[in-house]
C-alpha atoms as a PDB file:
ATOM      1  CA  UNK A   1     -16.063  -3.026  26.471  1.00  0.00           C
ATOM      2  CA  UNK A   2     -13.795  -5.804  27.563  1.00  0.00           C
ATOM      3  CA  UNK A   3     -11.796  -7.411  24.812  1.00  0.00           C
ATOM      4  CA  UNK A   4     -10.044 -10.673  25.255  1.00  0.00           C
ATOM      5  CA  UNK A   5      -7.351 -12.419  23.234  1.00  0.00           C
ATOM      6  CA  UNK A   6      -9.127 -15.749  23.433  1.00  0.00           C
ATOM      7  CA  UNK A   7     -12.968 -15.945  23.823  1.00  0.00           C
ATOM      8  CA  UNK A   8     -15.790 -13.563  23.904  1.00  0.00           C
ATOM      9  CA  UNK A   9     -15.694  -9.888  24.339  1.00  0.00           C
ATOM     10  CA  UNK A  10     -18.166  -8.248  26.539  1.00  0.00           C
ATOM     11  CA  UNK A  11     -20.155  -5.083  26.294  1.00  0.00           C
ATOM     12  CA  UNK A  12     -21.422  -3.634  29.665  1.00  0.00           C
ATOM     13  CA  UNK A  13     -23.872  -0.869  29.145  1.00  0.00           C
ATOM     14  CA  UNK A  14     -23.893   0.986  32.370  1.00  0.00           C
ATOM     15  CA  UNK A  15     -26.379   3.843  32.669  1.00  0.00           C
ATOM     16  CA  UNK A  16     -27.397   4.561  29.038  1.00  0.00           C
ATOM     17  CA  UNK A  17     -30.786   5.097  27.282  1.00  0.00           C
ATOM     18  CA  UNK A  18     -29.279   4.739  23.747  1.00  0.00           C
ATOM     19  CA  UNK A  19     -26.904   1.835  23.114  1.00  0.00           C
ATOM     20  CA  UNK A  20     -23.584   3.434  21.934  1.00  0.00           C
ATOM     21  CA  UNK A  21     -22.186   0.310  20.060  1.00  0.00           C
ATOM     22  CA  UNK A  22     -23.264  -1.460  16.780  1.00  0.00           C
ATOM     23  CA  UNK A  23     -24.957  -4.018  18.831  1.00  0.00           C
ATOM     24  CA  UNK A  24     -26.033  -6.440  16.090  1.00  0.00           C
ATOM     25  CA  UNK A  25     -22.461  -6.703  14.617  1.00  0.00           C
ATOM     26  CA  UNK A  26     -20.965  -7.046  17.985  1.00  0.00           C
ATOM     27  CA  UNK A  27     -23.465  -9.820  18.617  1.00  0.00           C
ATOM     28  CA  UNK A  28     -22.856 -11.608  15.325  1.00  0.00           C
ATOM     29  CA  UNK A  29     -19.334 -11.997  16.505  1.00  0.00           C
ATOM     30  CA  UNK A  30     -20.534 -14.271  19.171  1.00  0.00           C
ATOM     31  CA  UNK A  31     -19.929 -11.634  22.008  1.00  0.00           C
ATOM     32  CA  UNK A  32     -21.872 -11.019  25.074  1.00  0.00           C
ATOM     33  CA  UNK A  33     -23.834  -7.849  26.236  1.00  0.00           C
ATOM     34  CA  UNK A  34     -24.753  -6.943  29.861  1.00  0.00           C
ATOM     35  CA  UNK A  35     -27.342  -4.204  29.496  1.00  0.00           C
ATOM     36  CA  UNK A  36     -29.166  -2.014  31.930  1.00  0.00           C
ATOM     37  CA  UNK A  37     -32.736  -2.626  31.065  1.00  0.00           C
ATOM     38  CA  UNK A  38     -35.951  -1.486  32.558  1.00  0.00           C
ATOM     39  CA  UNK A  39     -39.754  -1.687  32.006  1.00  0.00           C
ATOM     40  CA  UNK A  40     -40.178   2.107  32.062  1.00  0.00           C
ATOM     41  CA  UNK A  41     -40.338   3.407  28.536  1.00  0.00           C
ATOM     42  CA  UNK A  42     -39.351   7.066  28.948  1.00  0.00           C
ATOM     43  CA  UNK A  43     -37.006   9.108  26.709  1.00  0.00           C
ATOM     44  CA  UNK A  44     -35.286  10.708  29.636  1.00  0.00           C
ATOM     45  CA  UNK A  45     -34.740   7.266  31.398  1.00  0.00           C
ATOM     46  CA  UNK A  46     -31.181   6.468  32.520  1.00  0.00           C
ATOM     47  CA  UNK A  47     -31.711   2.904  31.308  1.00  0.00           C
ATOM     48  CA  UNK A  48     -32.881   1.390  28.077  1.00  0.00           C
ATOM     49  CA  UNK A  49     -36.317   0.050  28.069  1.00  0.00           C
ATOM     50  CA  UNK A  50     -37.198  -3.439  27.296  1.00  0.00           C
ATOM     51  CA  UNK A  51     -39.199  -2.291  24.292  1.00  0.00           C
ATOM     52  CA  UNK A  52     -36.195  -0.307  22.925  1.00  0.00           C
ATOM     53  CA  UNK A  53     -33.878  -3.404  23.414  1.00  0.00           C
ATOM     54  CA  UNK A  54     -36.272  -5.495  21.588  1.00  0.00           C
ATOM     55  CA  UNK A  55     -36.017  -3.154  18.719  1.00  0.00           C
ATOM     56  CA  UNK A  56     -32.372  -3.016  18.684  1.00  0.00           C
ATOM     57  CA  UNK A  57     -31.669  -6.893  19.102  1.00  0.00           C
ATOM     58  CA  UNK A  58     -32.989  -9.397  16.714  1.00  0.00           C
ATOM     59  CA  UNK A  59     -34.525 -12.507  18.378  1.00  0.00           C
ATOM     60  CA  UNK A  60     -31.724 -14.779  17.127  1.00  0.00           C
ATOM     61  CA  UNK A  61     -29.129 -12.701  19.142  1.00  0.00           C
ATOM     62  CA  UNK A  62     -31.016 -12.259  22.317  1.00  0.00           C
ATOM     63  CA  UNK A  63     -29.638 -15.203  24.036  1.00  0.00           C
ATOM     64  CA  UNK A  64     -26.391 -13.356  24.177  1.00  0.00           C
ATOM     65  CA  UNK A  65     -27.851 -10.467  25.941  1.00  0.00           C
ATOM     66  CA  UNK A  66     -28.035 -10.394  29.784  1.00  0.00           C
ATOM     67  CA  UNK A  67     -30.375  -7.884  31.480  1.00  0.00           C
ATOM     68  CA  UNK A  68     -28.854  -6.354  34.559  1.00  0.00           C
ATOM     69  CA  UNK A  69     -31.049  -3.541  35.837  1.00  0.00           C
ATOM     70  CA  UNK A  70     -34.274  -5.504  36.770  1.00  0.00           C
ATOM     71  CA  UNK A  71     -37.208  -3.433  37.707  1.00  0.00           C
ATOM     72  CA  UNK A  72     -40.932  -3.992  37.884  1.00  0.00           C
ATOM     73  CA  UNK A  73     -43.103  -6.909  39.039  1.00  0.00           C
ATOM     74  CA  UNK A  74     -43.028  -8.803  35.700  1.00  0.00           C
ATOM     75  CA  UNK A  75     -39.749  -7.698  34.217  1.00  0.00           C
ATOM     76  CA  UNK A  76     -38.036 -11.232  34.392  1.00  0.00           C
ATOM     77  CA  UNK A  77     -41.014 -12.848  32.895  1.00  0.00           C
ATOM     78  CA  UNK A  78     -41.301 -10.333  30.075  1.00  0.00           C
ATOM     79  CA  UNK A  79     -37.716 -10.186  29.272  1.00  0.00           C
ATOM     80  CA  UNK A  80     -37.600 -14.006  29.221  1.00  0.00           C
ATOM     81  CA  UNK A  81     -40.524 -14.141  26.774  1.00  0.00           C
ATOM     82  CA  UNK A  82     -38.522 -11.895  24.524  1.00  0.00           C
ATOM     83  CA  UNK A  83     -35.541 -14.202  24.617  1.00  0.00           C
ATOM     84  CA  UNK A  84     -33.225 -12.150  26.838  1.00  0.00           C
ATOM     85  CA  UNK A  85     -31.284 -13.641  29.778  1.00  0.00           C
ATOM     86  CA  UNK A  86     -31.150 -12.182  33.198  1.00  0.00           C
ATOM     87  CA  UNK A  87     -28.071 -12.033  35.419  1.00  0.00           C
ATOM     88  CA  UNK A  88     -28.424 -14.457  38.380  1.00  0.00           C
ATOM     89  CA  UNK A  89     -27.419 -12.631  41.678  1.00  0.00           C
ATOM     90  CA  UNK A  90     -26.848 -14.592  44.610  1.00  0.00           C
END
């Protein structure tokens, strides 16, 4: 987690299946989350599935969450439908 004196704090998930912060309260404080997310929905996965992330994050806070591990043919489309952002890599 990066905390700043002024502005938003940022949580970067890295390789985790279970999010290890109180993500809803973190987002309520207008902070940002960069979260490894994938389409595969397996418990032994190293990344959080899109389904699991949808369960964790209420729709009103999803615009503050950026998916950073993008896999699968339709991941961007599905995550966008759910209200999440994608990191733009150039």
